[in-house]
């Protein structure tokens, strides 16, 4: 197995690479998709959030399923579903079909990602496992960087549909190659009942929350169309807590969720991902709808931003073991707030390279260390027996944070995202409001992190770069 091990790692990392790319690659193609399919602001928002919602909401359940029936069984199922859903997205002729395909992609990703990680941990041992997990961790930053570039190249070349079609041949190759290289193995331990009600309730509650937030942009905060789904979300979140307290094998143990390091980690992860995808969402639409950038030019413009996230994460991973998580989290959000504030200087009469881009790079450089803080401080401060659950919770909030962040900025910027809005100074008021909200949210997160994030330096064994 030693000779085949690294071949398995390459293939599994390629599978994870597809999942991560699909979070950012669509951001660049979004304006073109909206124009071709005549999508409203709400539909554009769901094109992004449907994927991250299902990916995050069902990820822990996917991990539990891998433990129950074996990662070698759930991984091909997730890969096949993701590939089929990608084909459906590329063939979509309406917004509804595209959003449905994106949701199915998220379900496939929720099955595939934890199964692939489980296969890595069982394929490698000792130091080889640590090196393999290091390569796996690096996929997140690389996927973000190449995702924005690939999105521009494909959209400007064969068209936005190939943003999804490109996953199909890769998926087929992986489906054929991986089973022949991975030992059949067996499920870990005795089979346990799956907490399907818990997974469905947290996903449904978050979907209602996002629906209410998006609807508020047009209907207003006091409208029944806004209040009913928001109240429904609160009720179902309450039901989720009750389910987790009474379930024999809960998705997320209440004791773990109540621990301060987990609360801190989920808060930091939720805000960091929400800010990252929210800023990408606003910037992509601004560059292409207001300034008339092509998809390729937008992707190239975003490349320094994606690289800044990766560099920030590496710097955070280097410093957190020396100074601790709290100062890193505070500094990360301060940088993000400063960067987002600088982005509010946008104007149709000025260059994006002197207004939007410098601030975005600064904000992105701050977001990277926030990811590291969320993962590292959590994993270093929970009991050993709860590390798996805590990791699942953090990764869940990584995806859900993106869904909520995009929904919020879409609502705040609704005036500028509506069809046929003039591209003049009056037409960018919504973008400016959305960017201002990001700056304020990041500043508030810095203040809260000063109190919430645990003190002290984590052990070197727990220092990592996050998702």
Protein backbone atom coordinates (compact mmCIF):
# COMPACT_ATOMS: atom_id res chain seq x y z
CA UNK A 1 0.00 0.00 0.00
CA UNK A 2 2.98 2.30 0.52
CA UNK A 3 3.49 2.72 -3.24
CA UNK A 4 -0.21 3.24 -3.91
CA UNK A 5 -0.70 5.57 -0.94
CA UNK A 6 0.43 8.77 -2.60
CA UNK A 7 -1.56 7.98 -5.73
CA UNK A 8 -4.63 7.67 -3.49
CA UNK A 9 -3.76 11.01 -1.87
CA UNK A 10 -3.50 12.76 -5.24
CA UNK A 11 -6.88 11.43 -6.35
CA UNK A 12 -8.65 12.22 -3.08
CA UNK A 13 -7.16 15.72 -3.01
CA UNK A 14 -8.35 16.21 -6.60
CA UNK A 15 -11.86 15.27 -5.48
CA UNK A 16 -11.69 17.75 -2.58
CA UNK A 17 -10.23 20.34 -4.96
CA UNK A 18 -13.40 20.13 -7.07
CA UNK A 19 -15.57 20.77 -4.03
CA UNK A 20 -13.57 23.79 -2.85
CA UNK A 21 -13.30 25.31 -6.34
CA UNK A 22 -17.06 25.14 -6.75
CA UNK A 23 -17.46 27.62 -3.88
CA UNK A 24 -15.46 30.38 -5.62
CA UNK A 25 -15.58 29.46 -9.32
CA UNK A 26 -19.28 30.37 -9.55
CA UNK A 27 -18.66 33.82 -8.07
CA UNK A 28 -16.87 34.98 -11.23
CA UNK A 29 -19.46 33.40 -13.56
CA UNK A 30 -22.41 34.72 -11.56
CA UNK A 31 -23.15 37.91 -13.58
CA UNK A 32 -23.01 36.01 -16.88
CA UNK A 33 -25.27 33.28 -15.49
CA UNK A 34 -27.71 35.92 -14.30
CA UNK A 35 -27.82 37.59 -17.71
CA UNK A 36 -28.18 34.37 -19.71
CA UNK A 37 -30.92 32.90 -17.51
CA UNK A 38 -32.57 36.26 -16.68
CA UNK A 39 -32.19 35.63 -12.94
CA UNK A 40 -33.47 37.97 -10.26
CA UNK A 41 -31.34 39.07 -7.32
CA UNK A 42 -32.96 36.38 -5.16
CA UNK A 43 -32.19 33.64 -7.68
CA UNK A 44 -28.57 34.80 -8.04
CA UNK A 45 -28.20 34.61 -4.28
CA UNK A 46 -29.54 31.04 -4.18
CA UNK A 47 -27.12 29.94 -6.92
CA UNK A 48 -24.36 30.58 -4.38
CA UNK A 49 -26.10 29.64 -1.15
CA UNK A 50 -27.87 26.42 -2.22
CA UNK A 51 -24.49 24.68 -2.59
CA UNK A 52 -22.90 25.87 0.65
CA UNK A 53 -26.16 25.35 2.56
CA UNK A 54 -26.50 21.66 1.68
CA UNK A 55 -22.74 21.08 1.88
CA UNK A 56 -22.53 22.51 5.40
CA UNK A 57 -25.89 21.39 6.72
CA UNK A 58 -25.34 17.73 5.82
CA UNK A 59 -21.57 17.44 6.25
CA UNK A 60 -21.59 15.97 9.76
CA UNK A 61 -24.28 13.49 8.69
CA UNK A 62 -22.03 12.53 5.77
CA UNK A 63 -19.20 11.88 8.19
CA UNK A 64 -21.44 9.78 10.42
CA UNK A 65 -22.59 7.80 7.38
CA UNK A 66 -18.97 7.15 6.42
CA UNK A 67 -18.36 5.75 9.92
CA UNK A 68 -21.51 3.63 9.80
CA UNK A 69 -21.20 1.98 6.39
CA UNK A 70 -17.59 2.67 5.45
CA UNK A 71 -15.90 5.58 3.71
CA UNK A 72 -15.14 3.43 0.66
CA UNK A 73 -18.89 3.07 0.07
CA UNK A 74 -20.03 6.62 0.78
CA UNK A 75 -17.19 8.34 -1.12
CA UNK A 76 -18.13 6.94 -4.58
CA UNK A 77 -21.80 7.67 -3.89
CA UNK A 78 -20.98 11.30 -3.06
CA UNK A 79 -18.67 11.62 -6.06
CA UNK A 80 -21.27 10.17 -8.44
CA UNK A 81 -23.99 12.47 -7.09
CA UNK A 82 -21.71 15.52 -7.31
CA UNK A 83 -20.75 14.70 -10.90
CA UNK A 84 -24.35 14.08 -11.95
CA UNK A 85 -25.46 17.32 -10.26
CA UNK A 86 -22.69 19.21 -12.06
CA UNK A 87 -24.03 17.88 -15.37
CA UNK A 88 -27.54 19.02 -14.42
CA UNK A 89 -26.21 22.50 -13.54
CA UNK A 90 -24.51 22.80 -16.91
CA UNK A 91 -27.68 21.71 -18.73
CA UNK A 92 -29.95 24.02 -16.70
CA UNK A 93 -32.08 26.38 -18.77
CA UNK A 94 -33.88 28.07 -15.87
CA UNK A 95 -32.87 29.45 -12.51
CA UNK A 96 -34.93 26.84 -10.67
CA UNK A 97 -33.12 23.95 -12.37
CA UNK A 98 -29.74 25.54 -11.68
CA UNK A 99 -30.49 26.09 -7.99
CA UNK A 100 -31.77 22.51 -7.70
CA UNK A 101 -28.56 21.25 -9.30
CA UNK A 102 -26.47 23.34 -6.94
CA UNK A 103 -28.32 21.89 -3.96
CA UNK A 104 -27.63 18.35 -5.23
CA UNK A 105 -23.98 19.29 -5.66
CA UNK A 106 -23.96 20.28 -1.99
CA UNK A 107 -25.46 16.93 -0.94
CA UNK A 108 -22.84 15.09 -2.97
CA UNK A 109 -20.08 17.22 -1.47
CA UNK A 110 -21.36 16.50 2.06
CA UNK A 111 -21.00 12.77 1.38
CA UNK A 112 -17.69 13.03 -0.47
CA UNK A 113 -15.58 15.39 1.64
CA UNK A 114 -15.66 13.64 5.05
CA UNK A 115 -15.36 10.23 3.38
CA UNK A 116 -12.26 11.31 1.45
CA UNK A 117 -10.68 12.64 4.64
CA UNK A 118 -11.50 9.39 6.45
CA UNK A 119 -9.82 7.39 3.67
CA UNK A 120 -6.67 9.50 4.04
CA UNK A 121 -6.52 8.88 7.80
CA UNK A 122 -6.91 5.12 7.32
CA UNK A 123 -4.53 4.87 4.33
CA UNK A 124 -1.58 6.59 6.03
CA UNK A 125 0.06 6.14 9.42
CA UNK A 126 2.41 8.13 11.63
CA UNK A 127 4.44 10.88 10.01
CA UNK A 128 3.16 9.98 6.55
CA UNK A 129 -0.37 10.69 7.78
CA UNK A 130 0.71 14.12 9.08
CA UNK A 131 2.26 14.98 5.72
CA UNK A 132 -0.81 13.75 3.87
CA UNK A 133 -3.11 15.85 6.07
CA UNK A 134 -0.85 18.87 5.48
CA UNK A 135 -1.33 18.46 1.73
CA UNK A 136 -5.09 18.11 2.28
CA UNK A 137 -5.19 21.31 4.33
CA UNK A 138 -3.38 23.24 1.60
CA UNK A 139 -6.11 22.36 -0.90
CA UNK A 140 -8.43 25.00 0.57
CA UNK A 141 -6.22 27.96 -0.27
CA UNK A 142 -5.11 26.62 -3.62
CA UNK A 143 -8.71 25.86 -4.59
CA UNK A 144 -9.79 29.40 -3.74
CA UNK A 145 -6.99 30.90 -5.85
CA UNK A 146 -7.47 28.69 -8.88
CA UNK A 147 -11.26 28.81 -8.57
CA UNK A 148 -11.51 32.52 -9.36
CA UNK A 149 -9.04 32.17 -12.25
CA UNK A 150 -10.70 29.05 -13.67
CA UNK A 151 -14.11 30.70 -13.39
CA UNK A 152 -12.91 33.59 -15.53
CA UNK A 153 -11.17 31.41 -18.12
CA UNK A 154 -14.11 29.03 -18.60
CA UNK A 155 -16.77 31.74 -18.63
CA UNK A 156 -14.87 33.87 -21.11
CA UNK A 157 -13.98 30.82 -23.24
CA UNK A 158 -16.44 27.97 -23.77
CA UNK A 159 -19.05 29.61 -21.52
CA UNK A 160 -20.32 29.50 -17.93
CA UNK A 161 -21.86 26.05 -18.39
CA UNK A 162 -18.33 24.63 -18.49
CA UNK A 163 -17.80 25.84 -14.95
CA UNK A 164 -19.99 22.81 -14.13
CA UNK A 165 -19.31 20.50 -17.10
CA UNK A 166 -15.59 20.35 -16.27
CA UNK A 167 -16.42 18.40 -13.09
CA UNK A 168 -18.03 15.53 -15.02
CA UNK A 169 -14.98 13.95 -16.75
CA UNK A 170 -12.89 14.49 -13.62
CA UNK A 171 -15.58 12.77 -11.56
CA UNK A 172 -15.75 9.81 -13.93
CA UNK A 173 -11.97 9.35 -13.84
CA UNK A 174 -11.97 9.45 -10.05
CA UNK A 175 -14.87 6.99 -9.85
CA UNK A 176 -12.91 4.48 -11.92
CA UNK A 177 -9.50 5.02 -10.35
CA UNK A 178 -10.08 5.41 -6.60
CA UNK A 179 -11.90 2.10 -5.80
CA UNK A 180 -9.11 0.11 -7.45
CA UNK A 181 -6.51 1.77 -5.23
CA UNK A 182 -8.33 1.86 -1.89
CA UNK A 183 -8.69 -1.25 0.26
CA UNK A 184 -12.27 -2.26 0.98
CA UNK A 185 -11.80 -2.00 4.73
CA UNK A 186 -14.78 -2.02 7.05
CA UNK A 187 -16.86 0.45 9.02
CA UNK A 188 -15.26 1.67 12.25
CA UNK A 189 -16.80 -0.01 15.26
CA UNK A 190 -20.40 -1.09 15.58
CA UNK A 191 -23.08 0.52 13.49
CA UNK A 192 -24.91 3.40 15.07
CA UNK A 193 -28.22 5.04 14.29
CA UNK A 194 -27.86 8.16 12.15
CA UNK A 195 -29.28 11.42 13.42
CA UNK A 196 -31.17 12.21 10.21
CA UNK A 197 -33.78 14.42 11.98
CA UNK A 198 -30.97 16.54 13.42
CA UNK A 199 -29.27 17.02 10.04
CA UNK A 200 -32.50 17.83 8.23
CA UNK A 201 -33.72 20.24 10.92
CA UNK A 202 -30.52 22.33 11.04
CA UNK A 203 -30.43 22.47 7.23
CA UNK A 204 -34.11 23.43 6.96
CA UNK A 205 -33.78 26.08 9.68
CA UNK A 206 -30.81 27.66 7.93
CA UNK A 207 -32.62 27.54 4.58
CA UNK A 208 -35.58 29.40 6.12
CA UNK A 209 -33.21 31.92 7.69
CA UNK A 210 -31.57 32.58 4.32
CA UNK A 211 -34.94 32.80 2.58
CA UNK A 212 -36.16 35.36 5.09
CA UNK A 213 -32.97 37.41 4.80
CA UNK A 214 -33.08 37.43 1.01
CA UNK A 215 -36.79 38.28 0.90
CA UNK A 216 -36.25 41.26 3.20
CA UNK A 217 -34.29 43.02 0.45
CA UNK A 218 -37.45 43.55 -1.60
CA UNK A 219 -40.39 42.98 0.75
CA UNK A 220 -38.94 44.79 3.77
CA UNK A 221 -38.19 43.56 7.29
CA UNK A 222 -41.76 43.97 8.55
CA UNK A 223 -43.42 42.02 5.72
CA UNK A 224 -45.01 38.64 6.48
CA UNK A 225 -42.94 37.12 3.66
CA UNK A 226 -39.87 38.02 5.70
CA UNK A 227 -41.12 37.44 9.24
CA UNK A 228 -42.73 34.02 8.72
CA UNK A 229 -39.58 32.22 7.45
CA UNK A 230 -37.42 33.97 10.07
CA UNK A 231 -39.76 32.89 12.87
CA UNK A 232 -39.90 29.41 11.35
CA UNK A 233 -36.11 29.28 11.44
CA UNK A 234 -36.06 30.19 15.14
CA UNK A 235 -38.65 27.51 15.96
CA UNK A 236 -36.85 24.80 14.01
CA UNK A 237 -33.46 25.75 15.49
CA UNK A 238 -35.13 25.27 18.89
CA UNK A 239 -36.40 21.90 17.72
CA UNK A 240 -32.88 20.99 16.60
CA UNK A 241 -31.58 21.67 20.12
CA UNK A 242 -34.27 19.41 21.59
CA UNK A 243 -33.48 16.68 19.05
CA UNK A 244 -29.79 16.80 19.92
CA UNK A 245 -30.55 16.59 23.64
CA UNK A 246 -32.72 13.50 23.27
CA UNK A 247 -31.08 11.65 20.35
CA UNK A 248 -29.20 8.46 21.21
CA UNK A 249 -26.38 9.37 18.81
CA UNK A 250 -26.77 13.13 18.27
CA UNK A 251 -25.30 14.90 15.28
CA UNK A 252 -23.77 17.54 17.55
CA UNK A 253 -23.62 16.89 21.27
CA UNK A 254 -25.12 19.72 23.31
CA UNK A 255 -22.20 19.55 25.77
CA UNK A 256 -19.73 20.09 22.93
CA UNK A 257 -21.71 22.95 21.41
CA UNK A 258 -21.87 24.69 24.80
CA UNK A 259 -18.09 24.69 25.29
CA UNK A 260 -16.54 28.13 25.00
CA UNK A 261 -13.82 27.07 22.50
CA UNK A 262 -16.49 25.64 20.19
CA UNK A 263 -18.69 28.74 20.51
CA UNK A 264 -15.62 30.87 19.79
CA UNK A 265 -14.56 28.76 16.82
CA UNK A 266 -18.01 28.68 15.24
CA UNK A 267 -18.37 32.45 15.70
CA UNK A 268 -15.01 33.21 14.08
CA UNK A 269 -15.58 30.72 11.26
CA UNK A 270 -19.13 31.95 10.60
CA UNK A 271 -18.01 35.59 10.36
CA UNK A 272 -14.84 34.90 8.35
CA UNK A 273 -16.58 32.79 5.71
CA UNK A 274 -19.57 35.11 5.56
CA UNK A 275 -17.29 38.10 5.00
CA UNK A 276 -15.20 36.29 2.41
CA UNK A 277 -18.05 35.10 0.20
CA UNK A 278 -20.06 38.27 0.80
CA UNK A 279 -17.19 40.43 -0.46
CA UNK A 280 -16.64 38.15 -3.46
CA UNK A 281 -20.37 38.28 -4.28
CA UNK A 282 -20.56 42.09 -4.20
CA UNK A 283 -17.25 42.62 -5.98
CA UNK A 284 -17.99 40.25 -8.86
CA UNK A 285 -21.33 41.89 -9.60
CA UNK A 286 -19.86 45.38 -9.25
CA UNK A 287 -16.92 44.71 -11.56
CA UNK A 288 -19.00 43.08 -14.30
CA UNK A 289 -22.33 44.91 -14.08
CA UNK A 290 -21.11 48.41 -13.21
CA UNK A 291 -17.59 48.61 -14.63
CA UNK A 292 -18.17 46.24 -17.54
CA UNK A 293 -15.30 43.85 -16.74
CA UNK A 294 -15.27 40.57 -18.64
CA UNK A 295 -15.38 37.31 -16.67
CA UNK A 296 -11.72 36.64 -17.48
CA UNK A 297 -10.63 40.10 -16.36
CA UNK A 298 -12.64 39.66 -13.17
CA UNK A 299 -10.97 36.32 -12.46
CA UNK A 300 -7.52 37.82 -12.98
CA UNK A 301 -8.45 40.76 -10.74
CA UNK A 302 -9.51 38.37 -7.99
CA UNK A 303 -6.33 36.27 -8.19
CA UNK A 304 -4.30 38.51 -5.79
CA UNK A 305 -7.25 38.37 -3.39
CA UNK A 306 -7.29 34.56 -3.33
CA UNK A 307 -3.52 34.47 -2.92
CA UNK A 308 -3.78 36.95 -0.03
CA UNK A 309 -6.19 34.60 1.79
CA UNK A 310 -3.69 31.75 1.45
CA UNK A 311 -0.72 33.87 2.58
CA UNK A 312 -2.70 35.19 5.52
CA UNK A 313 -3.62 31.66 6.57
CA UNK A 314 0.01 30.53 6.42
CA UNK A 315 1.16 33.55 8.44
CA UNK A 316 -1.58 32.91 10.99
CA UNK A 317 -0.57 29.26 11.25
CA UNK A 318 3.02 30.34 11.88
CA UNK A 319 2.21 32.98 14.52
CA UNK A 320 -0.65 31.41 16.46
CA UNK A 321 1.63 28.96 18.24
CA UNK A 322 3.78 31.88 19.41
CA UNK A 323 1.26 34.55 20.42
CA UNK A 324 -1.99 32.61 20.84
CA UNK A 325 -5.34 32.67 19.08
CA UNK A 326 -6.91 35.77 20.64
CA UNK A 327 -4.47 38.39 19.25
CA UNK A 328 -4.52 36.67 15.85
CA UNK A 329 -8.33 36.73 15.71
CA UNK A 330 -8.53 40.38 16.77
CA UNK A 331 -5.84 41.45 14.29
CA UNK A 332 -7.47 39.39 11.54
CA UNK A 333 -10.84 41.06 11.90
CA UNK A 334 -9.29 44.53 12.28
CA UNK A 335 -7.48 44.02 8.98
CA UNK A 336 -10.69 42.79 7.37
CA UNK A 337 -12.59 45.82 8.67
CA UNK A 338 -9.95 48.22 7.34
CA UNK A 339 -9.91 46.49 3.96
CA UNK A 340 -13.71 46.48 3.62
CA UNK A 341 -13.83 50.15 4.64
CA UNK A 342 -11.31 51.00 1.90
CA UNK A 343 -13.49 49.15 -0.62
CA UNK A 344 -16.36 51.59 0.02
CA UNK A 345 -14.42 54.20 -2.02
CA UNK A 346 -15.65 52.55 -5.23
CA UNK A 347 -16.99 54.80 -7.97
CA UNK A 348 -17.77 54.25 -11.67
CA UNK A 349 -15.42 57.15 -12.44
CA UNK A 350 -12.40 55.66 -10.66
CA UNK A 351 -10.32 52.57 -11.35
CA UNK A 352 -11.12 49.38 -9.45
CA UNK A 353 -7.36 48.81 -9.17
CA UNK A 354 -6.98 51.86 -6.91
CA UNK A 355 -10.26 51.61 -4.97
CA UNK A 356 -11.77 48.11 -4.79
CA UNK A 357 -8.72 45.85 -5.21
CA UNK A 358 -6.30 47.23 -2.55
CA UNK A 359 -8.97 47.07 0.14
CA UNK A 360 -10.07 43.59 -0.96
CA UNK A 361 -6.50 42.28 -0.75
CA UNK A 362 -6.12 43.70 2.77
CA UNK A 363 -9.46 42.23 3.86
CA UNK A 364 -8.56 38.85 2.36
CA UNK A 365 -5.18 38.85 4.10
CA UNK A 366 -7.08 39.28 7.37
CA UNK A 367 -9.65 36.58 6.63
CA UNK A 368 -6.96 33.90 6.19
CA UNK A 369 -5.68 34.01 9.81
CA UNK A 370 -9.29 34.04 11.07
CA UNK A 371 -9.80 30.60 9.51
CA UNK A 372 -6.69 29.32 11.27
CA UNK A 373 -7.84 30.75 14.60
CA UNK A 374 -11.28 29.19 14.35
CA UNK A 375 -9.91 25.70 13.71
CA UNK A 376 -6.83 25.76 15.93
CA UNK A 377 -8.23 27.31 19.12
CA UNK A 378 -11.22 24.99 19.00
CA UNK A 379 -9.33 21.76 18.44
CA UNK A 380 -6.70 22.62 21.05
CA UNK A 381 -9.22 23.32 23.80
CA UNK A 382 -11.80 20.51 23.63
CA UNK A 383 -11.39 17.07 25.24
CA UNK A 384 -9.77 14.44 23.06
CA UNK A 385 -12.98 12.44 22.78
CA UNK A 386 -14.85 15.41 21.31
CA UNK A 387 -12.35 16.50 18.65
CA UNK A 388 -14.20 14.73 15.84
CA UNK A 389 -17.53 16.35 16.71
CA UNK A 390 -15.89 19.76 17.20
CA UNK A 391 -14.16 19.50 13.83
CA UNK A 392 -17.45 18.64 12.16
CA UNK A 393 -19.16 21.61 13.80
CA UNK A 394 -16.42 24.03 12.65
CA UNK A 395 -16.52 22.74 9.07
CA UNK A 396 -20.32 22.93 9.07
CA UNK A 397 -20.23 26.59 10.07
CA UNK A 398 -17.57 27.20 7.41
CA UNK A 399 -20.15 26.46 4.73
CA UNK A 400 -23.24 27.84 6.51
CA UNK A 401 -21.40 31.09 7.19
CA UNK A 402 -20.92 31.61 3.47
CA UNK A 403 -24.62 31.01 2.82
CA UNK A 404 -25.73 33.49 5.46
CA UNK A 405 -23.11 36.09 4.51
CA UNK A 406 -24.13 36.15 0.85
CA UNK A 407 -27.81 36.34 1.81
CA UNK A 408 -27.21 39.31 4.11
CA UNK A 409 -25.11 41.39 1.71
CA UNK A 410 -27.51 40.58 -1.12
CA UNK A 411 -30.37 42.03 0.92
CA UNK A 412 -28.45 45.14 1.98
CA UNK A 413 -27.26 45.76 -1.60
CA UNK A 414 -30.67 44.98 -3.13
CA UNK A 415 -31.09 48.50 -4.56
CA UNK A 416 -28.02 48.06 -6.76
CA UNK A 417 -28.59 44.40 -7.62
CA UNK A 418 -32.08 44.87 -9.07
CA UNK A 419 -32.36 44.55 -12.87
CA UNK A 420 -31.90 47.67 -15.01
CA UNK A 421 -30.29 49.77 -12.27
CA UNK A 422 -28.26 52.66 -13.69
CA UNK A 423 -24.50 52.26 -13.44
CA UNK A 424 -23.96 55.79 -12.16
CA UNK A 425 -23.14 56.94 -8.65
CA UNK A 426 -26.76 56.43 -7.55
CA UNK A 427 -26.66 52.87 -8.84
CA UNK A 428 -23.76 51.83 -6.59
CA UNK A 429 -25.37 52.90 -3.32
CA UNK A 430 -26.37 49.31 -2.56
CA UNK A 431 -22.82 48.06 -3.15
CA UNK A 432 -21.45 50.75 -0.83
CA UNK A 433 -23.99 49.83 1.85
CA UNK A 434 -23.08 46.15 1.58
CA UNK A 435 -19.35 46.88 1.87
CA UNK A 436 -19.99 49.21 4.82
CA UNK A 437 -21.91 46.43 6.57
CA UNK A 438 -18.96 44.06 6.04
CA UNK A 439 -16.59 46.62 7.57
CA UNK A 440 -18.86 47.15 10.59
CA UNK A 441 -19.39 43.40 11.06
CA UNK A 442 -15.63 42.76 10.95
CA UNK A 443 -14.99 45.55 13.46
CA UNK A 444 -17.64 44.16 15.81
CA UNK A 445 -16.14 40.67 15.41
CA UNK A 446 -12.73 42.03 16.46
CA UNK A 447 -14.23 43.45 19.67
CA UNK A 448 -16.14 40.24 20.45
CA UNK A 449 -13.04 38.11 19.73
CA UNK A 450 -11.15 40.13 22.33
CA UNK A 451 -13.41 38.57 24.95
CA UNK A 452 -14.64 35.31 23.40
CA UNK A 453 -11.53 33.67 21.89
CA UNK A 454 -9.62 31.65 24.54
CA UNK A 455 -6.30 32.94 25.83
CA UNK A 456 -3.08 31.04 25.58
CA UNK A 457 -1.07 29.36 22.86
CA UNK A 458 -2.27 26.07 21.38
CA UNK A 459 0.02 23.07 21.31
CA UNK A 460 1.99 22.74 18.09
CA UNK A 461 0.14 19.54 17.25
CA UNK A 462 -3.09 21.47 16.89
CA UNK A 463 -1.83 24.31 14.70
CA UNK A 464 -3.40 24.07 11.26
CA UNK A 465 -4.67 26.11 8.36
CA UNK A 466 -8.35 25.28 8.59
CA UNK A 467 -10.67 24.07 5.86
